[in-house]
Amino acid sequence: MTVLTGVSRPRLWVVSPMLRDTESYVRLRREVTAACAADDRHGEPRFVVVDDSAGTDDEVVVLRDDPDVTVLTTPFNLGHQRAIVFGLRFLVPHIRSDDVVVTMDSDGEDQPADLPRLVERLDDPTTSLVLALRTKRSEPLGFRLMYVCFRLMFRVLTGTTIRSGNFAAQRGDSLVATIDHPSFDLCYSATLLALRRSTVTVPCARGQRFAGASRMNRFALIGHGMRMLLPFSEAIAVRMLVVAAASFAALATYLVLLAVGVIGVPLTGAVLAPGIALTVLFLAAFTGFVVLFSGFGQASVIAMKGIAVPVHPRTETAAVPADES
């Protein structure tokens, strides 16, 4: 780890997960350095690459000779989301509050030329987080159709529109304040949205891979989509409860109308079908609510463990009033 002393200006750190993609990362590092050359506020960027091959990728050794690159090796394959968090938690003790930390993929699909535009938006002190807003994707048509369906489902279940990924920039103080939240262990990109920090977006087209082919198949994409929902379990649970309550009310109304003969007899399949559908909807929504509420309750308890209450100087010196008798 290269840690400079006696430097007053903030530093720029670039954290990337990598799985057997050294060729792409070498080019990424070169292009990021070139893109940041005109910005003298941070100097040359410092790189942290997380080797998610658990040390089985022999090509990574070429990165260790660069003094500006810190290579972290995971104990086992974490997946790109948790690999990012692994790198960030390693970095936290080494950064200052005014440093800038950028997370981006190592394959070139997060374009290095866009990085300065994200960092520039952090000049506004009220902004805690800057996200790259995807305006154009280069994936095959089938993937894009799946992504549109996922975005629609995500919006319905969470009330949040998802158009961003791992490409993000934040100041050191913001990272330090949030990185220990347990939701980051579930999904990095979704937690960036779920924590509701002061966020701005920068339109960025998704680029082409520098080398090789993506290892993300459809099953992996579906799994990633499921993990993105987990940080929003509270919001999904609330929506499930609303659906359960509405379906229960509709079912009760149906049964009352059926009992007084408004719907009519005989009880044919067409007459019973609405009641059956409402019953299934209620049971499904209520079961989903119970499961998600239980998980959210556990996550909330875990989130509070290990959090210390800060003691301010005024509190330390303030006199404790005596009991009045």
Protein backbone atom coordinates (compact mmCIF):
# COMPACT_ATOMS: atom_id res chain seq x y z
CA MET A 1 0.00 0.00 0.00
CA THR A 2 1.40 3.38 -1.02
CA VAL A 3 0.45 5.98 1.58
CA LEU A 4 1.94 9.43 1.05
CA THR A 5 2.65 11.72 3.99
CA GLY A 6 2.86 15.48 4.06
CA VAL A 7 0.43 15.87 1.14
CA SER A 8 -2.36 18.38 1.68
CA ARG A 9 -4.44 17.82 -1.42
CA PRO A 10 -7.03 15.05 -1.46
CA ARG A 11 -6.16 11.80 -3.19
CA LEU A 12 -8.10 9.80 -5.75
CA TRP A 13 -8.52 6.07 -5.20
CA VAL A 14 -9.92 3.68 -7.81
CA VAL A 15 -11.23 0.34 -6.50
CA SER A 16 -12.06 -2.46 -8.95
CA PRO A 17 -12.97 -6.14 -8.68
CA MET A 18 -11.23 -8.46 -11.14
CA LEU A 19 -11.63 -12.12 -12.06
CA ARG A 20 -9.03 -13.40 -14.55
CA ASP A 21 -9.11 -10.12 -16.48
CA THR A 22 -5.61 -8.75 -16.04
CA GLU A 23 -5.26 -7.72 -19.69
CA SER A 24 -8.32 -5.50 -19.46
CA TYR A 25 -7.26 -4.06 -16.11
CA VAL A 26 -3.82 -3.04 -17.39
CA ARG A 27 -5.49 -1.01 -20.10
CA LEU A 28 -8.07 0.38 -17.65
CA ARG A 29 -5.36 1.63 -15.32
CA ARG A 30 -3.50 3.28 -18.21
CA GLU A 31 -6.61 5.02 -19.55
CA VAL A 32 -7.80 6.16 -16.12
CA THR A 33 -4.39 7.71 -15.46
CA ALA A 34 -4.53 9.50 -18.81
CA ALA A 35 -8.10 10.71 -18.23
CA CYS A 36 -7.14 12.18 -14.85
CA ALA A 37 -3.89 13.81 -16.03
CA ALA A 38 -5.50 17.22 -16.54
CA ASP A 39 -6.89 17.34 -12.98
CA ASP A 40 -4.19 18.51 -10.57
CA ARG A 41 -6.50 18.53 -7.54
CA HIS A 42 -5.82 14.88 -6.71
CA GLY A 43 -2.58 14.06 -8.45
CA GLU A 44 -2.14 10.66 -10.03
CA PRO A 45 -4.83 8.14 -9.04
CA ARG A 46 -4.04 5.23 -6.76
CA PHE A 47 -5.48 1.85 -7.65
CA VAL A 48 -6.82 -0.99 -5.53
CA VAL A 49 -7.64 -4.14 -7.50
CA VAL A 50 -9.37 -7.08 -5.83
CA ASP A 51 -8.22 -10.38 -7.31
CA ASP A 52 -11.36 -12.48 -6.90
CA SER A 53 -9.68 -15.64 -8.17
CA ALA A 54 -8.48 -16.37 -4.62
CA GLY A 55 -4.88 -16.35 -5.84
CA THR A 56 -5.31 -18.84 -8.68
CA ASP A 57 -4.71 -16.28 -11.45
CA ASP A 58 -1.00 -16.27 -12.23
CA GLU A 59 -1.25 -13.21 -14.50
CA VAL A 60 -2.00 -10.92 -11.56
CA VAL A 61 1.69 -10.90 -10.67
CA VAL A 62 2.36 -8.28 -13.37
CA LEU A 63 0.29 -5.77 -11.39
CA ARG A 64 2.31 -6.11 -8.20
CA ASP A 65 5.33 -4.31 -9.63
CA ASP A 66 3.43 -1.04 -10.03
CA PRO A 67 3.83 1.18 -6.92
CA ASP A 68 0.45 2.84 -7.59
CA VAL A 69 -1.44 -0.47 -7.58
CA THR A 70 -2.40 -2.42 -4.47
CA VAL A 71 -3.47 -6.00 -5.21
CA LEU A 72 -5.81 -7.65 -2.72
CA THR A 73 -6.48 -11.37 -2.94
CA THR A 74 -9.77 -12.72 -1.64
CA PRO A 75 -9.74 -15.91 0.49
CA PHE A 76 -12.31 -17.41 -1.90
CA ASN A 77 -14.43 -16.21 -4.81
CA LEU A 78 -16.71 -13.50 -3.44
CA GLY A 79 -18.44 -12.33 -6.60
CA HIS A 80 -17.93 -8.85 -7.99
CA GLN A 81 -20.31 -7.12 -5.54
CA ARG A 82 -18.74 -8.42 -2.35
CA ALA A 83 -15.26 -8.11 -3.87
CA ILE A 84 -15.79 -4.36 -4.17
CA VAL A 85 -16.85 -4.16 -0.52
CA PHE A 86 -13.82 -6.29 0.43
CA GLY A 87 -11.57 -3.70 -1.24
CA LEU A 88 -13.36 -0.70 0.25
CA ARG A 89 -13.21 -2.03 3.79
CA PHE A 90 -9.49 -2.63 3.37
CA LEU A 91 -9.06 0.93 2.10
CA VAL A 92 -11.03 2.75 4.80
CA PRO A 93 -8.20 2.97 7.40
CA HIS A 94 -5.88 4.50 4.79
CA ILE A 95 -8.03 7.35 3.47
CA ARG A 96 -8.72 10.88 4.63
CA SER A 97 -12.14 12.46 4.81
CA ASP A 98 -11.54 14.63 1.73
CA ASP A 99 -10.13 11.82 -0.43
CA VAL A 100 -12.26 10.66 -3.36
CA VAL A 101 -12.99 6.96 -3.85
CA VAL A 102 -14.25 5.65 -7.20
CA THR A 103 -15.53 2.13 -7.75
CA MET A 104 -15.63 0.76 -11.28
CA ASP A 105 -15.46 -2.54 -13.11
CA SER A 106 -12.09 -3.71 -14.39
CA ASP A 107 -13.14 -4.77 -17.90
CA GLY A 108 -13.60 -1.34 -19.53
CA GLU A 109 -17.39 -1.30 -19.66
CA ASP A 110 -17.21 1.53 -17.12
CA GLN A 111 -15.42 3.96 -19.40
CA PRO A 112 -12.31 5.69 -17.93
CA ALA A 113 -13.09 8.90 -19.83
CA ASP A 114 -16.23 9.32 -17.70
CA LEU A 115 -14.40 9.12 -14.37
CA PRO A 116 -13.38 12.83 -14.19
CA ARG A 117 -16.99 13.85 -14.77
CA LEU A 118 -18.12 11.83 -11.75
CA VAL A 119 -15.34 13.18 -9.54
CA GLU A 120 -16.08 16.77 -10.58
CA ARG A 121 -19.62 16.59 -9.19
CA LEU A 122 -18.21 15.99 -5.72
CA ASP A 123 -17.01 19.60 -5.70
CA ASP A 124 -20.47 20.38 -4.33
CA PRO A 125 -20.10 19.82 -0.56
CA THR A 126 -23.77 18.83 -0.25
CA THR A 127 -23.26 15.83 -2.54
CA SER A 128 -22.27 12.58 -0.83
CA LEU A 129 -22.46 10.19 -3.77
CA VAL A 130 -22.22 10.38 -7.55
CA LEU A 131 -23.58 7.54 -9.68
CA ALA A 132 -23.08 6.82 -13.37
CA LEU A 133 -26.53 6.82 -14.99
CA ARG A 134 -26.67 4.26 -17.81
CA THR A 135 -27.87 5.92 -21.03
CA LYS A 136 -26.83 3.26 -23.55
CA ARG A 137 -26.01 -0.43 -23.28
CA SER A 138 -23.97 -2.56 -25.67
CA GLU A 139 -25.22 -6.01 -24.61
CA PRO A 140 -27.16 -8.38 -26.92
CA LEU A 141 -30.88 -7.81 -27.47
CA GLY A 142 -31.88 -10.73 -25.24
CA PHE A 143 -29.97 -9.32 -22.29
CA ARG A 144 -31.43 -5.85 -22.80
CA LEU A 145 -34.98 -7.25 -22.84
CA MET A 146 -34.30 -9.13 -19.60
CA TYR A 147 -32.89 -5.94 -18.09
CA VAL A 148 -36.01 -3.94 -19.04
CA CYS A 149 -38.22 -6.56 -17.38
CA PHE A 150 -36.02 -6.54 -14.30
CA ARG A 151 -36.15 -2.75 -14.04
CA LEU A 152 -39.95 -2.85 -14.24
CA MET A 153 -40.13 -5.53 -11.53
CA PHE A 154 -37.63 -3.64 -9.39
CA ARG A 155 -39.70 -0.46 -9.67
CA VAL A 156 -42.94 -2.24 -8.73
CA LEU A 157 -41.43 -4.05 -5.74
CA THR A 158 -39.24 -1.28 -4.31
CA GLY A 159 -40.54 2.01 -5.68
CA THR A 160 -37.00 2.79 -6.86
CA THR A 161 -35.81 3.12 -10.45
CA ILE A 162 -32.55 1.27 -11.05
CA ARG A 163 -30.31 2.67 -13.79
CA SER A 164 -26.92 2.55 -12.14
CA GLY A 165 -24.32 -0.03 -11.25
CA ASN A 166 -20.89 -0.22 -9.60
CA PHE A 167 -19.52 2.94 -11.25
CA ALA A 168 -19.69 5.52 -8.46
CA ALA A 169 -17.69 8.22 -6.71
CA GLN A 170 -17.82 9.38 -3.10
CA ARG A 171 -15.71 11.25 -0.59
CA GLY A 172 -13.81 9.46 2.12
CA ASP A 173 -16.01 10.70 4.97
CA SER A 174 -19.13 9.37 3.25
CA LEU A 175 -17.50 5.99 2.66
CA VAL A 176 -16.26 5.68 6.24
CA ALA A 177 -19.72 6.54 7.59
CA THR A 178 -21.57 3.87 5.62
CA ILE A 179 -19.28 1.01 4.56
CA ASP A 180 -19.92 -1.12 7.66
CA HIS A 181 -23.64 -1.28 6.95
CA PRO A 182 -24.53 -5.00 6.59
CA SER A 183 -26.53 -4.40 3.39
CA PHE A 184 -23.24 -3.93 1.57
CA ASP A 185 -22.57 -7.63 2.20
CA LEU A 186 -25.68 -8.39 0.15
CA CYS A 187 -25.24 -6.08 -2.84
CA TYR A 188 -22.98 -3.05 -3.23
CA SER A 189 -24.74 -1.27 -6.11
CA ALA A 190 -28.25 -1.61 -4.64
CA THR A 191 -27.13 -0.51 -1.18
CA LEU A 192 -25.78 2.71 -2.66
CA LEU A 193 -29.41 3.52 -3.52
CA ALA A 194 -31.05 2.01 -0.44
CA LEU A 195 -29.11 4.16 2.05
CA ARG A 196 -30.67 7.33 0.62
CA ARG A 197 -27.59 9.54 0.69
CA SER A 198 -27.45 12.90 -1.09
CA THR A 199 -26.90 11.60 -4.62
CA VAL A 200 -26.47 13.06 -8.10
CA THR A 201 -26.22 11.14 -11.36
CA VAL A 202 -24.03 11.63 -14.41
CA PRO A 203 -25.19 10.19 -17.77
CA CYS A 204 -22.63 7.63 -18.98
CA ALA A 205 -22.90 5.19 -21.87
CA ARG A 206 -21.72 1.69 -21.12
CA GLY A 207 -18.61 0.79 -23.10
CA GLN A 208 -17.25 -2.37 -24.68
CA ARG A 209 -15.01 -4.84 -22.89
CA PHE A 210 -11.31 -4.21 -23.49
CA ALA A 211 -10.51 -7.92 -23.86
CA GLY A 212 -11.99 -11.36 -23.46
CA ALA A 213 -15.62 -12.29 -22.95
CA SER A 214 -17.99 -11.72 -20.05
CA ARG A 215 -18.37 -14.61 -17.58
CA MET A 216 -21.82 -13.42 -16.56
CA ASN A 217 -24.36 -15.95 -17.85
CA ARG A 218 -28.15 -15.73 -17.51
CA PHE A 219 -28.26 -17.68 -14.27
CA ALA A 220 -25.65 -15.40 -12.75
CA LEU A 221 -27.60 -12.35 -13.93
CA ILE A 222 -30.79 -13.65 -12.33
CA GLY A 223 -28.91 -14.29 -9.09
CA HIS A 224 -27.46 -10.79 -9.19
CA GLY A 225 -30.93 -9.35 -9.74
CA MET A 226 -32.22 -11.22 -6.68
CA ARG A 227 -29.36 -9.88 -4.55
CA MET A 228 -30.15 -6.35 -5.68
CA LEU A 229 -33.61 -6.68 -4.15
CA LEU A 230 -32.31 -7.71 -0.70
CA PRO A 231 -31.27 -4.22 0.57
CA PHE A 232 -34.84 -3.08 -0.18
CA SER A 233 -36.51 -5.80 1.93
CA GLU A 234 -38.25 -3.22 4.12
CA ALA A 235 -39.82 -1.41 1.16
CA ILE A 236 -40.86 -4.70 -0.45
CA ALA A 237 -42.37 -5.92 2.84
CA VAL A 238 -44.47 -2.75 3.10
CA ARG A 239 -45.77 -3.23 -0.44
CA MET A 240 -46.55 -6.87 0.26
CA LEU A 241 -48.53 -5.83 3.33
CA VAL A 242 -50.50 -3.29 1.30
CA VAL A 243 -51.31 -5.91 -1.34
CA ALA A 244 -52.31 -8.42 1.36
CA ALA A 245 -54.59 -5.89 3.05
CA ALA A 246 -56.21 -4.87 -0.24
CA SER A 247 -56.75 -8.48 -1.35
CA PHE A 248 -58.17 -9.40 2.06
CA ALA A 249 -60.62 -6.49 1.91
CA ALA A 250 -61.66 -7.48 -1.64
CA LEU A 251 -62.06 -11.12 -0.55
CA ALA A 252 -64.21 -10.15 2.44
CA THR A 253 -66.41 -8.00 0.19
CA TYR A 254 -66.75 -10.87 -2.28
CA LEU A 255 -67.81 -13.31 0.46
CA VAL A 256 -70.38 -10.88 1.82
CA LEU A 257 -71.87 -10.34 -1.62
CA LEU A 258 -71.86 -14.08 -2.22
CA ALA A 259 -73.63 -14.70 1.09
CA VAL A 260 -76.49 -12.27 0.40
CA GLY A 261 -76.95 -13.61 -3.10
CA VAL A 262 -75.93 -10.47 -5.03
CA ILE A 263 -73.49 -12.39 -7.16
CA GLY A 264 -76.08 -15.10 -7.75
CA VAL A 265 -76.32 -18.87 -7.79
CA PRO A 266 -75.54 -21.58 -8.67
CA LEU A 267 -71.90 -21.57 -7.56
CA THR A 268 -70.26 -22.20 -10.88
CA GLY A 269 -66.55 -22.08 -11.58
CA ALA A 270 -66.88 -18.60 -13.03
CA VAL A 271 -68.50 -17.38 -9.80
CA LEU A 272 -65.90 -18.98 -7.52
CA ALA A 273 -62.87 -18.00 -9.62
CA PRO A 274 -62.56 -14.41 -8.26
CA GLY A 275 -62.70 -15.69 -4.67
CA ILE A 276 -60.05 -18.32 -5.33
CA ALA A 277 -57.80 -15.77 -7.06
CA LEU A 278 -58.16 -13.27 -4.19
CA THR A 279 -57.42 -15.99 -1.63
CA VAL A 280 -54.24 -17.05 -3.44
CA LEU A 281 -53.16 -13.40 -3.80
CA PHE A 282 -53.75 -12.70 -0.12
CA LEU A 283 -51.87 -15.79 1.06
CA ALA A 284 -48.94 -15.11 -1.26
CA ALA A 285 -48.68 -11.43 -0.31
CA PHE A 286 -49.08 -12.07 3.41
CA THR A 287 -46.52 -14.89 3.38
CA GLY A 288 -44.10 -12.65 1.51
CA PHE A 289 -44.66 -9.90 4.07
CA VAL A 290 -44.00 -12.21 7.03
CA VAL A 291 -40.80 -13.61 5.50
CA LEU A 292 -39.44 -10.21 4.49
CA PHE A 293 -40.44 -8.58 7.77
CA SER A 294 -38.63 -11.28 9.74
CA GLY A 295 -35.52 -10.87 7.61
CA PHE A 296 -35.65 -7.10 7.90
CA GLY A 297 -36.00 -7.33 11.68
CA GLN A 298 -32.92 -9.53 11.93
CA ALA A 299 -30.93 -7.28 9.60
CA SER A 300 -31.88 -4.23 11.66
CA VAL A 301 -30.59 -5.86 14.85
CA ILE A 302 -27.34 -6.91 13.16
CA ALA A 303 -26.89 -3.40 11.76
CA MET A 304 -26.78 -1.92 15.28
CA LYS A 305 -24.21 -4.34 16.64
CA GLY A 306 -20.76 -2.86 17.12
CA ILE A 307 -21.91 0.73 16.56
CA ALA A 308 -20.45 3.02 19.19
CA VAL A 309 -22.12 6.25 20.28
CA PRO A 310 -19.73 9.16 19.61
CA VAL A 311 -18.79 11.25 22.63
CA HIS A 312 -18.32 14.92 21.82
CA PRO A 313 -15.94 17.17 23.78
CA ARG A 314 -18.85 19.20 25.16
CA THR A 315 -20.43 16.04 26.55
CA GLU A 316 -17.18 14.96 28.21
CA THR A 317 -16.73 18.26 30.09
CA ALA A 318 -20.36 18.96 30.89
CA ALA A 319 -21.31 18.70 34.55
CA VAL A 320 -23.92 16.16 35.52
CA PRO A 321 -26.74 17.87 37.42
CA ALA A 322 -27.26 16.68 40.96
CA ASP A 323 -30.49 15.02 41.99
CA GLU A 324 -32.94 17.37 43.58
CA SER A 325 -34.27 16.30 46.93
